[in-house]
Amino acid sequence: MLFYIILLAMVAAFLALRLYSVLGKRTGHEQPLKPVEERVAVAPAPRTIDATPESREVVNRNIAPGAEKGLRAIVAADPSFDMTQFLEGAQSAYRMTLEAFWKGDEEALSHLAEEPVQHAFAEAIAARKTAGHVLDNRLVSIESARIEDASVEGRVGRITVRLDADIAAVTRDGDGNVVAGSLSDAVQTHDLWTFARTLKSDDPNWKLAETDEA
C-alpha cells in the first residue's frame, strides 16, 4: 500500500514530483490494478446491478450524475489512472495551492497550476502587495470532495472536483493589524476546481486549469 508524504516546504522540483504522486499515477509497487468498474465507482466493491445500497451511496457521494462516463473515458485512455487516488490527491493539491497563494509563493504555484490560472494568482498577489496586505488564512478542514464532471478532449483529460471546506481568513495590514476576517470564525467555501493533464504524456502532473465557485 502506498504512503504519500505531503511536505509543503520542499523545493519546486520535488513539489512537482509530489503532485504527480498524489494525483492518480502509479509507481509499480502497489497492489494489482483494479478493474475499471472499481476504479471509476469509488466503491469498496465493484459496481454491479446487484450493488448494495451502501456501496451505491458511496458512489453517489463521490461522483455526480453524468461524471462516470467521462471517468471511464479517462481510464480507457490511460489505464494507469486511479480515480480514488486522484480524488484524495485533489484535496492535497487544494490545500497546497491555497497555502502557496496565501503566502504569495508564485514559484510553487507555477508547478501546481496552468499558465492562465498562474497569471490570475499572480495578479491577485501583486494587488495584495500593492495594498500592503498580508493574508493570515488557515484551511481548517475539507468537508467533502466530489467529482462533478470529467472528460477527454483530444489527448487531454479534465476532471472537475467540488470541494467544500471551512477556511479561517484574516487580512492584515503592513503593521499586522487586522483589516478583515477572523481566525476564530471559519467561513464555509464551495469551490469547483478543474484539473487537466495530457494523458500518457511525459509530464505526469495534473495541474489546476480552472477555478470557480460552486
C-alpha atoms as a PDB file:
ATOM      1  CA  MET A   1       0.000   0.000   0.000  1.00  0.00           C
ATOM      2  CA  LEU A   2       1.336   3.391  -0.950  1.00  0.00           C
ATOM      3  CA  PHE A   3       2.074   6.140   1.532  1.00  0.00           C
ATOM      4  CA  TYR A   4       2.164   9.677   0.185  1.00  0.00           C
ATOM      5  CA  ILE A   5       4.220  12.170   2.193  1.00  0.00           C
ATOM      6  CA  ILE A   6       2.968  15.734   1.917  1.00  0.00           C
ATOM      7  CA  LEU A   7       5.863  18.099   2.606  1.00  0.00           C
ATOM      8  CA  LEU A   8       4.834  21.681   1.897  1.00  0.00           C
ATOM      9  CA  ALA A   9       8.296  23.208   2.215  1.00  0.00           C
ATOM     10  CA  MET A  10      10.135  21.150  -0.428  1.00  0.00           C
ATOM     11  CA  VAL A  11      11.920  22.650  -3.431  1.00  0.00           C
ATOM     12  CA  ALA A  12       9.955  23.237  -6.617  1.00  0.00           C
ATOM     13  CA  ALA A  13      11.201  20.183  -8.487  1.00  0.00           C
ATOM     14  CA  PHE A  14      10.205  17.848  -5.670  1.00  0.00           C
ATOM     15  CA  LEU A  15       6.884  19.682  -5.327  1.00  0.00           C
ATOM     16  CA  ALA A  16       6.066  18.792  -8.927  1.00  0.00           C
ATOM     17  CA  LEU A  17       7.051  15.173  -8.326  1.00  0.00           C
ATOM     18  CA  ARG A  18       4.906  15.054  -5.198  1.00  0.00           C
ATOM     19  CA  LEU A  19       1.884  16.408  -7.043  1.00  0.00           C
ATOM     20  CA  TYR A  20       2.404  13.588  -9.525  1.00  0.00           C
ATOM     21  CA  SER A  21       2.356  11.052  -6.703  1.00  0.00           C
ATOM     22  CA  VAL A  22      -0.945  12.269  -5.270  1.00  0.00           C
ATOM     23  CA  LEU A  23      -2.931  12.886  -8.439  1.00  0.00           C
ATOM     24  CA  GLY A  24      -3.620   9.485  -9.842  1.00  0.00           C
ATOM     25  CA  LYS A  25      -0.438   7.904 -11.252  1.00  0.00           C
ATOM     26  CA  ARG A  26       1.054   4.584 -10.155  1.00  0.00           C
ATOM     27  CA  THR A  27       4.632   3.667  -9.401  1.00  0.00           C
ATOM     28  CA  GLY A  28       4.535  -0.083  -9.977  1.00  0.00           C
ATOM     29  CA  HIS A  29       4.899  -1.058  -6.287  1.00  0.00           C
ATOM     30  CA  GLU A  30       1.249  -1.034  -5.317  1.00  0.00           C
ATOM     31  CA  GLN A  31      -1.427  -3.724  -5.394  1.00  0.00           C
ATOM     32  CA  PRO A  32      -2.505  -5.134  -8.801  1.00  0.00           C
ATOM     33  CA  LEU A  33      -4.557  -2.723 -10.900  1.00  0.00           C
ATOM     34  CA  LYS A  34      -8.237  -2.798 -10.033  1.00  0.00           C
ATOM     35  CA  PRO A  35     -10.948  -3.460 -12.624  1.00  0.00           C
ATOM     36  CA  VAL A  36     -12.238  -0.338 -14.378  1.00  0.00           C
ATOM     37  CA  GLU A  37     -15.568  -0.642 -12.582  1.00  0.00           C
ATOM     38  CA  GLU A  38     -13.911  -0.424  -9.174  1.00  0.00           C
ATOM     39  CA  ARG A  39     -11.585   2.450 -10.041  1.00  0.00           C
ATOM     40  CA  VAL A  40     -14.391   4.556 -11.500  1.00  0.00           C
ATOM     41  CA  ALA A  41     -17.056   3.750  -8.929  1.00  0.00           C
ATOM     42  CA  VAL A  42     -15.025   4.770  -5.872  1.00  0.00           C
ATOM     43  CA  ALA A  43     -16.650   1.929  -4.000  1.00  0.00           C
ATOM     44  CA  PRO A  44     -15.149  -0.812  -1.836  1.00  0.00           C
ATOM     45  CA  ALA A  45     -16.625  -3.402  -4.181  1.00  0.00           C
ATOM     46  CA  PRO A  46     -17.258  -3.450  -7.965  1.00  0.00           C
ATOM     47  CA  ARG A  47     -20.337  -1.588  -9.019  1.00  0.00           C
ATOM     48  CA  THR A  48     -22.851  -4.060 -10.411  1.00  0.00           C
ATOM     49  CA  ILE A  49     -26.589  -4.325 -10.871  1.00  0.00           C
ATOM     50  CA  ASP A  50     -26.700  -6.111  -7.521  1.00  0.00           C
ATOM     51  CA  ALA A  51     -24.611  -3.499  -5.721  1.00  0.00           C
ATOM     52  CA  THR A  52     -25.674  -2.949  -2.138  1.00  0.00           C
ATOM     53  CA  PRO A  53     -27.444   0.263  -1.139  1.00  0.00           C
ATOM     54  CA  GLU A  54     -24.409   1.122   0.965  1.00  0.00           C
ATOM     55  CA  SER A  55     -21.986   0.856  -1.984  1.00  0.00           C
ATOM     56  CA  ARG A  56     -24.323   2.869  -4.198  1.00  0.00           C
ATOM     57  CA  GLU A  57     -24.449   5.555  -1.522  1.00  0.00           C
ATOM     58  CA  VAL A  58     -20.634   5.769  -1.578  1.00  0.00           C
ATOM     59  CA  VAL A  59     -20.714   6.080  -5.371  1.00  0.00           C
ATOM     60  CA  ASN A  60     -23.373   8.788  -5.285  1.00  0.00           C
ATOM     61  CA  ARG A  61     -21.463  10.695  -2.641  1.00  0.00           C
ATOM     62  CA  ASN A  62     -18.215  10.784  -4.643  1.00  0.00           C
ATOM     63  CA  ILE A  63     -19.374  11.062  -8.260  1.00  0.00           C
ATOM     64  CA  ALA A  64     -22.031  13.419  -9.573  1.00  0.00           C
ATOM     65  CA  PRO A  65     -24.552  12.083 -12.081  1.00  0.00           C
ATOM     66  CA  GLY A  66     -23.090  12.252 -15.567  1.00  0.00           C
ATOM     67  CA  ALA A  67     -19.435  12.247 -14.492  1.00  0.00           C
ATOM     68  CA  GLU A  68     -18.893   8.487 -14.659  1.00  0.00           C
ATOM     69  CA  LYS A  69     -18.881   8.374 -18.472  1.00  0.00           C
ATOM     70  CA  GLY A  70     -16.031  10.869 -18.607  1.00  0.00           C
ATOM     71  CA  LEU A  71     -14.093   8.976 -15.948  1.00  0.00           C
ATOM     72  CA  ARG A  72     -14.410   5.779 -17.945  1.00  0.00           C
ATOM     73  CA  ALA A  73     -13.065   7.617 -20.981  1.00  0.00           C
ATOM     74  CA  ILE A  74     -10.048   8.759 -18.953  1.00  0.00           C
ATOM     75  CA  VAL A  75      -9.395   5.212 -17.692  1.00  0.00           C
ATOM     76  CA  ALA A  76      -9.698   3.907 -21.263  1.00  0.00           C
ATOM     77  CA  ALA A  77      -7.186   6.478 -22.489  1.00  0.00           C
ATOM     78  CA  ASP A  78      -4.806   5.937 -19.572  1.00  0.00           C
ATOM     79  CA  PRO A  79      -5.284   2.614 -17.720  1.00  0.00           C
ATOM     80  CA  SER A  80      -2.786   3.677 -15.034  1.00  0.00           C
ATOM     81  CA  PHE A  81      -5.218   6.325 -13.780  1.00  0.00           C
ATOM     82  CA  ASP A  82      -6.715   5.598 -10.366  1.00  0.00           C
ATOM     83  CA  MET A  83      -9.740   7.735  -9.588  1.00  0.00           C
ATOM     84  CA  THR A  84      -9.829   7.130  -5.847  1.00  0.00           C
ATOM     85  CA  GLN A  85      -6.198   8.123  -5.547  1.00  0.00           C
ATOM     86  CA  PHE A  86      -6.844  11.168  -7.728  1.00  0.00           C
ATOM     87  CA  LEU A  87      -9.699  12.352  -5.543  1.00  0.00           C
ATOM     88  CA  GLU A  88      -7.553  12.082  -2.427  1.00  0.00           C
ATOM     89  CA  GLY A  89      -4.732  13.883  -4.228  1.00  0.00           C
ATOM     90  CA  ALA A  90      -7.031  16.658  -5.425  1.00  0.00           C
ATOM     91  CA  GLN A  91      -7.718  17.510  -1.798  1.00  0.00           C
ATOM     92  CA  SER A  92      -3.987  17.667  -1.090  1.00  0.00           C
ATOM     93  CA  ALA A  93      -3.494  19.858  -4.163  1.00  0.00           C
ATOM     94  CA  TYR A  94      -6.304  22.122  -2.968  1.00  0.00           C
ATOM     95  CA  ARG A  95      -4.542  22.662   0.352  1.00  0.00           C
ATOM     96  CA  MET A  96      -1.107  23.099  -1.255  1.00  0.00           C
ATOM     97  CA  THR A  97      -2.383  25.602  -3.811  1.00  0.00           C
ATOM     98  CA  LEU A  98      -4.328  27.698  -1.311  1.00  0.00           C
ATOM     99  CA  GLU A  99      -1.395  27.852   1.084  1.00  0.00           C
ATOM    100  CA  ALA A 100       1.009  28.808  -1.723  1.00  0.00           C
ATOM    101  CA  PHE A 101      -1.372  31.568  -2.857  1.00  0.00           C
ATOM    102  CA  TRP A 102      -1.867  32.895   0.649  1.00  0.00           C
ATOM    103  CA  LYS A 103       1.916  33.036   1.128  1.00  0.00           C
ATOM    104  CA  GLY A 104       2.440  34.613  -2.305  1.00  0.00           C
ATOM    105  CA  ASP A 105       4.644  31.689  -3.378  1.00  0.00           C
ATOM    106  CA  GLU A 106       4.462  32.061  -7.158  1.00  0.00           C
ATOM    107  CA  GLU A 107       7.223  29.506  -7.703  1.00  0.00           C
ATOM    108  CA  ALA A 108       5.165  26.792  -6.038  1.00  0.00           C
ATOM    109  CA  LEU A 109       2.046  27.878  -7.924  1.00  0.00           C
ATOM    110  CA  SER A 110       3.885  27.516 -11.243  1.00  0.00           C
ATOM    111  CA  HIS A 111       4.102  23.765 -10.596  1.00  0.00           C
ATOM    112  CA  LEU A 112       0.529  23.419  -9.418  1.00  0.00           C
ATOM    113  CA  ALA A 113      -1.456  25.421 -11.973  1.00  0.00           C
ATOM    114  CA  GLU A 114      -1.575  26.007 -15.712  1.00  0.00           C
ATOM    115  CA  GLU A 115      -0.495  29.392 -17.075  1.00  0.00           C
ATOM    116  CA  PRO A 116      -3.896  31.163 -17.170  1.00  0.00           C
ATOM    117  CA  VAL A 117      -4.523  30.271 -13.538  1.00  0.00           C
ATOM    118  CA  GLN A 118      -0.940  31.194 -12.624  1.00  0.00           C
ATOM    119  CA  HIS A 119      -1.472  34.633 -14.154  1.00  0.00           C
ATOM    120  CA  ALA A 120      -4.705  35.144 -12.223  1.00  0.00           C
ATOM    121  CA  PHE A 121      -2.973  34.185  -8.978  1.00  0.00           C
ATOM    122  CA  ALA A 122      -0.009  36.454  -9.783  1.00  0.00           C
ATOM    123  CA  GLU A 123      -2.296  39.439 -10.424  1.00  0.00           C
ATOM    124  CA  ALA A 124      -4.101  38.884  -7.139  1.00  0.00           C
ATOM    125  CA  ILE A 125      -0.804  38.554  -5.259  1.00  0.00           C
ATOM    126  CA  ALA A 126       0.521  41.746  -6.875  1.00  0.00           C
ATOM    127  CA  ALA A 127      -2.646  43.661  -5.961  1.00  0.00           C
ATOM    128  CA  ARG A 128      -2.362  42.415  -2.413  1.00  0.00           C
ATOM    129  CA  LYS A 129       1.245  43.583  -2.160  1.00  0.00           C
ATOM    130  CA  THR A 130       0.337  46.977  -3.608  1.00  0.00           C
ATOM    131  CA  ALA A 131      -2.324  47.393  -0.952  1.00  0.00           C
ATOM    132  CA  GLY A 132       0.188  46.382   1.715  1.00  0.00           C
ATOM    133  CA  HIS A 133      -1.964  43.488   2.843  1.00  0.00           C
ATOM    134  CA  VAL A 134      -0.915  40.092   4.152  1.00  0.00           C
ATOM    135  CA  LEU A 135      -3.201  37.053   4.300  1.00  0.00           C
ATOM    136  CA  ASP A 136      -3.241  35.096   7.540  1.00  0.00           C
ATOM    137  CA  ASN A 137      -5.540  32.312   6.353  1.00  0.00           C
ATOM    138  CA  ARG A 138      -5.899  28.737   7.517  1.00  0.00           C
ATOM    139  CA  LEU A 139      -7.649  25.794   5.879  1.00  0.00           C
ATOM    140  CA  VAL A 140      -9.492  24.322   8.846  1.00  0.00           C
ATOM    141  CA  SER A 141     -10.934  21.284   7.101  1.00  0.00           C
ATOM    142  CA  ILE A 142     -12.121  19.874   3.802  1.00  0.00           C
ATOM    143  CA  GLU A 143     -15.621  18.635   4.482  1.00  0.00           C
ATOM    144  CA  SER A 144     -16.145  16.854   1.178  1.00  0.00           C
ATOM    145  CA  ALA A 145     -14.710  16.340  -2.306  1.00  0.00           C
ATOM    146  CA  ARG A 146     -16.858  15.135  -5.185  1.00  0.00           C
ATOM    147  CA  ILE A 147     -16.230  14.566  -8.886  1.00  0.00           C
ATOM    148  CA  GLU A 148     -18.660  16.862 -10.709  1.00  0.00           C
ATOM    149  CA  ASP A 149     -17.514  16.366 -14.292  1.00  0.00           C
ATOM    150  CA  ALA A 150     -14.884  14.525 -16.322  1.00  0.00           C
ATOM    151  CA  SER A 151     -13.985  14.444 -19.991  1.00  0.00           C
ATOM    152  CA  VAL A 152     -11.316  13.679 -22.554  1.00  0.00           C
ATOM    153  CA  GLU A 153     -10.705  16.396 -25.138  1.00  0.00           C
ATOM    154  CA  GLY A 154      -8.247  15.105 -27.687  1.00  0.00           C
ATOM    155  CA  ARG A 155      -5.426  13.772 -25.534  1.00  0.00           C
ATOM    156  CA  VAL A 156      -6.251  15.975 -22.552  1.00  0.00           C
ATOM    157  CA  GLY A 157      -8.152  14.621 -19.569  1.00  0.00           C
ATOM    158  CA  ARG A 158     -10.127  17.110 -17.469  1.00  0.00           C
ATOM    159  CA  ILE A 159     -11.722  16.438 -14.088  1.00  0.00           C
ATOM    160  CA  THR A 160     -13.784  18.957 -12.131  1.00  0.00           C
ATOM    161  CA  VAL A 161     -13.918  18.481  -8.376  1.00  0.00           C
ATOM    162  CA  ARG A 162     -16.286  20.205  -5.981  1.00  0.00           C
ATOM    163  CA  LEU A 163     -14.517  20.984  -2.719  1.00  0.00           C
ATOM    164  CA  ASP A 164     -16.490  22.062   0.334  1.00  0.00           C
ATOM    165  CA  ALA A 165     -14.208  23.443   3.029  1.00  0.00           C
ATOM    166  CA  ASP A 166     -14.016  25.585   6.145  1.00  0.00           C
ATOM    167  CA  ILE A 167     -11.458  28.411   5.988  1.00  0.00           C
ATOM    168  CA  ALA A 168     -10.440  30.825   8.711  1.00  0.00           C
ATOM    169  CA  ALA A 169      -9.435  34.010   6.900  1.00  0.00           C
ATOM    170  CA  VAL A 170      -7.753  37.171   8.146  1.00  0.00           C
ATOM    171  CA  THR A 171      -6.302  40.079   6.169  1.00  0.00           C
ATOM    172  CA  ARG A 172      -3.680  42.179   7.955  1.00  0.00           C
ATOM    173  CA  ASP A 173      -2.032  45.456   7.032  1.00  0.00           C
ATOM    174  CA  GLY A 174       1.707  46.055   6.966  1.00  0.00           C
ATOM    175  CA  ASP A 175       1.719  46.656  10.722  1.00  0.00           C
ATOM    176  CA  GLY A 176      -0.046  43.397  11.472  1.00  0.00           C
ATOM    177  CA  ASN A 177      -3.386  44.968  12.272  1.00  0.00           C
ATOM    178  CA  VAL A 178      -6.489  43.008  11.247  1.00  0.00           C
ATOM    179  CA  VAL A 179      -8.193  44.620   8.268  1.00  0.00           C
ATOM    180  CA  ALA A 180     -10.827  41.957   7.661  1.00  0.00           C
ATOM    181  CA  GLY A 181     -11.851  38.484   8.758  1.00  0.00           C
ATOM    182  CA  SER A 182     -11.355  36.400  11.875  1.00  0.00           C
ATOM    183  CA  LEU A 183      -9.272  33.336  12.729  1.00  0.00           C
ATOM    184  CA  SER A 184     -11.831  32.277  15.331  1.00  0.00           C
ATOM    185  CA  ASP A 185     -14.741  32.020  12.875  1.00  0.00           C
ATOM    186  CA  ALA A 186     -14.292  29.692   9.917  1.00  0.00           C
ATOM    187  CA  VAL A 187     -16.146  30.509   6.701  1.00  0.00           C
ATOM    188  CA  GLN A 188     -17.698  27.777   4.561  1.00  0.00           C
ATOM    189  CA  THR A 189     -16.422  27.767   0.974  1.00  0.00           C
ATOM    190  CA  HIS A 190     -17.670  25.826  -2.025  1.00  0.00           C
ATOM    191  CA  ASP A 191     -15.262  25.643  -4.954  1.00  0.00           C
ATOM    192  CA  LEU A 192     -15.160  23.938  -8.333  1.00  0.00           C
ATOM    193  CA  TRP A 193     -11.582  23.183  -9.375  1.00  0.00           C
ATOM    194  CA  THR A 194     -10.786  21.621 -12.725  1.00  0.00           C
ATOM    195  CA  PHE A 195      -7.564  19.665 -13.111  1.00  0.00           C
ATOM    196  CA  ALA A 196      -6.119  18.799 -16.526  1.00  0.00           C
ATOM    197  CA  ARG A 197      -3.378  16.584 -17.895  1.00  0.00           C
ATOM    198  CA  THR A 198      -2.228  15.364 -21.299  1.00  0.00           C
ATOM    199  CA  LEU A 199      -2.841  11.642 -20.933  1.00  0.00           C
ATOM    200  CA  LYS A 200       0.132   9.323 -21.480  1.00  0.00           C
ATOM    201  CA  SER A 201       2.460  12.299 -21.831  1.00  0.00           C
ATOM    202  CA  ASP A 202       5.937  12.523 -20.313  1.00  0.00           C
ATOM    203  CA  ASP A 203       4.598  15.164 -17.912  1.00  0.00           C
ATOM    204  CA  PRO A 204       2.887  13.195 -15.131  1.00  0.00           C
ATOM    205  CA  ASN A 205       1.322  16.171 -13.371  1.00  0.00           C
ATOM    206  CA  TRP A 206      -2.347  17.024 -13.175  1.00  0.00           C
ATOM    207  CA  LYS A 207      -2.474  20.818 -12.941  1.00  0.00           C
ATOM    208  CA  LEU A 208      -5.150  23.249 -11.899  1.00  0.00           C
ATOM    209  CA  ALA A 209      -6.735  24.521 -15.104  1.00  0.00           C
ATOM    210  CA  GLU A 210      -9.770  26.443 -13.877  1.00  0.00           C
ATOM    211  CA  THR A 211     -11.375  27.657 -10.659  1.00  0.00           C
ATOM    212  CA  ASP A 212     -14.931  28.702  -9.959  1.00  0.00           C
ATOM    213  CA  GLU A 213     -17.405  28.961  -7.124  1.00  0.00           C
ATOM    214  CA  ALA A 214     -19.852  26.103  -6.729  1.00  0.00           C
END
